[in-house]
């Protein structure tokens, strides 16, 4: 997401300006980078949720196994 912002800061060509002027090469790259950043962010969120769920399930299994051993002892 930093590339379109840096493009704006260094060249003054922000996304709305390039879209308005029809400067499609720059607008296309900016839009592609923003889309890739959004996809990567959503994948990271989903993977984080799955990892937390798996860790919680493992902790629950570990706790249940520990309680089962205490009862048998």
C-alpha atoms as a PDB file:
ATOM      1  CA  UNK A   1       0.000   0.000   0.000  1.00  0.00           C
ATOM      2  CA  UNK A   2       2.977   2.265   0.408  1.00  0.00           C
ATOM      3  CA  UNK A   3       3.823   2.392  -3.307  1.00  0.00           C
ATOM      4  CA  UNK A   4       0.767   4.433  -4.411  1.00  0.00           C
ATOM      5  CA  UNK A   5       1.279   6.788  -1.463  1.00  0.00           C
ATOM      6  CA  UNK A   6       4.970   7.189  -2.284  1.00  0.00           C
ATOM      7  CA  UNK A   7       4.055   7.798  -5.922  1.00  0.00           C
ATOM      8  CA  UNK A   8       1.751  10.591  -4.793  1.00  0.00           C
ATOM      9  CA  UNK A   9       4.366  12.111  -2.486  1.00  0.00           C
ATOM     10  CA  UNK A  10       7.258  11.939  -4.945  1.00  0.00           C
ATOM     11  CA  UNK A  11       5.511  12.734  -8.241  1.00  0.00           C
ATOM     12  CA  UNK A  12       2.243  14.390  -7.223  1.00  0.00           C
ATOM     13  CA  UNK A  13       0.309  11.872  -9.328  1.00  0.00           C
ATOM     14  CA  UNK A  14      -2.254  10.470  -6.929  1.00  0.00           C
ATOM     15  CA  UNK A  15      -4.776   7.879  -8.007  1.00  0.00           C
ATOM     16  CA  UNK A  16      -7.724  10.238  -8.437  1.00  0.00           C
ATOM     17  CA  UNK A  17      -5.649  12.569 -10.601  1.00  0.00           C
ATOM     18  CA  UNK A  18      -4.371   9.788 -12.864  1.00  0.00           C
ATOM     19  CA  UNK A  19      -7.873   8.344 -13.227  1.00  0.00           C
ATOM     20  CA  UNK A  20      -9.300  11.768 -14.023  1.00  0.00           C
ATOM     21  CA  UNK A  21      -6.634  12.512 -16.618  1.00  0.00           C
ATOM     22  CA  UNK A  22      -6.892   9.070 -18.157  1.00  0.00           C
ATOM     23  CA  UNK A  23      -3.266   8.286 -17.387  1.00  0.00           C
ATOM     24  CA  UNK A  24      -3.997   4.568 -17.336  1.00  0.00           C
ATOM     25  CA  UNK A  25      -0.486   3.100 -17.027  1.00  0.00           C
ATOM     26  CA  UNK A  26       0.083   4.766 -13.652  1.00  0.00           C
ATOM     27  CA  UNK A  27      -3.533   4.366 -12.524  1.00  0.00           C
ATOM     28  CA  UNK A  28      -3.474   0.685 -13.472  1.00  0.00           C
ATOM     29  CA  UNK A  29      -0.325  -0.002 -11.495  1.00  0.00           C
ATOM     30  CA  UNK A  30      -1.669   1.873  -8.472  1.00  0.00           C
ATOM     31  CA  UNK A  31      -4.997   0.025  -8.645  1.00  0.00           C
ATOM     32  CA  UNK A  32      -3.233  -3.315  -9.045  1.00  0.00           C
ATOM     33  CA  UNK A  33      -1.004  -2.651  -6.050  1.00  0.00           C
ATOM     34  CA  UNK A  34      -3.971  -1.600  -3.926  1.00  0.00           C
ATOM     35  CA  UNK A  35      -5.944  -4.700  -4.965  1.00  0.00           C
ATOM     36  CA  UNK A  36      -2.981  -6.960  -4.153  1.00  0.00           C
ATOM     37  CA  UNK A  37      -2.598  -5.283  -0.756  1.00  0.00           C
ATOM     38  CA  UNK A  38      -6.287  -5.806   0.020  1.00  0.00           C
ATOM     39  CA  UNK A  39      -6.134  -9.463  -1.008  1.00  0.00           C
ATOM     40  CA  UNK A  40      -2.976 -10.039   1.046  1.00  0.00           C
ATOM     41  CA  UNK A  41      -4.565  -8.344   4.049  1.00  0.00           C
ATOM     42  CA  UNK A  42      -7.714 -10.439   3.878  1.00  0.00           C
ATOM     43  CA  UNK A  43      -5.682 -13.645   3.518  1.00  0.00           C
ATOM     44  CA  UNK A  44      -3.568 -12.657   6.528  1.00  0.00           C
ATOM     45  CA  UNK A  45      -6.694 -12.061   8.609  1.00  0.00           C
ATOM     46  CA  UNK A  46      -8.201 -15.407   7.600  1.00  0.00           C
ATOM     47  CA  UNK A  47      -4.973 -17.298   8.284  1.00  0.00           C
ATOM     48  CA  UNK A  48      -4.648 -15.575  11.643  1.00  0.00           C
ATOM     49  CA  UNK A  49      -8.167 -16.630  12.596  1.00  0.00           C
ATOM     50  CA  UNK A  50      -7.488 -20.226  11.562  1.00  0.00           C
ATOM     51  CA  UNK A  51      -4.212 -20.280  13.512  1.00  0.00           C
ATOM     52  CA  UNK A  52      -5.891 -18.919  16.644  1.00  0.00           C
ATOM     53  CA  UNK A  53      -8.706 -21.461  16.306  1.00  0.00           C
ATOM     54  CA  UNK A  54      -6.224 -24.311  15.854  1.00  0.00           C
ATOM     55  CA  UNK A  55      -4.202 -23.148  18.870  1.00  0.00           C
ATOM     56  CA  UNK A  56      -7.350 -22.932  20.987  1.00  0.00           C
ATOM     57  CA  UNK A  57      -8.434 -26.424  19.904  1.00  0.00           C
ATOM     58  CA  UNK A  58      -4.976 -27.820  20.706  1.00  0.00           C
ATOM     59  CA  UNK A  59      -5.023 -26.169  24.118  1.00  0.00           C
ATOM     60  CA  UNK A  60      -8.471 -27.596  24.781  1.00  0.00           C
ATOM     61  CA  UNK A  61      -7.321 -31.093  23.786  1.00  0.00           C
ATOM     62  CA  UNK A  62      -4.240 -30.714  25.961  1.00  0.00           C
ATOM     63  CA  UNK A  63      -6.332 -29.610  28.922  1.00  0.00           C
ATOM     64  CA  UNK A  64      -8.794 -32.468  28.419  1.00  0.00           C
ATOM     65  CA  UNK A  65      -5.968 -34.991  28.154  1.00  0.00           C
ATOM     66  CA  UNK A  66      -4.366 -33.632  31.328  1.00  0.00           C
ATOM     67  CA  UNK A  67      -7.622 -33.896  33.255  1.00  0.00           C
ATOM     68  CA  UNK A  68      -8.148 -37.433  32.015  1.00  0.00           C
ATOM     69  CA  UNK A  69      -4.735 -38.522  33.316  1.00  0.00           C
ATOM     70  CA  UNK A  70      -5.395 -36.977  36.726  1.00  0.00           C
ATOM     71  CA  UNK A  71      -8.632 -38.931  37.080  1.00  0.00           C
ATOM     72  CA  UNK A  72      -6.955 -42.256  36.258  1.00  0.00           C
ATOM     73  CA  UNK A  73      -4.070 -41.681  38.656  1.00  0.00           C
END
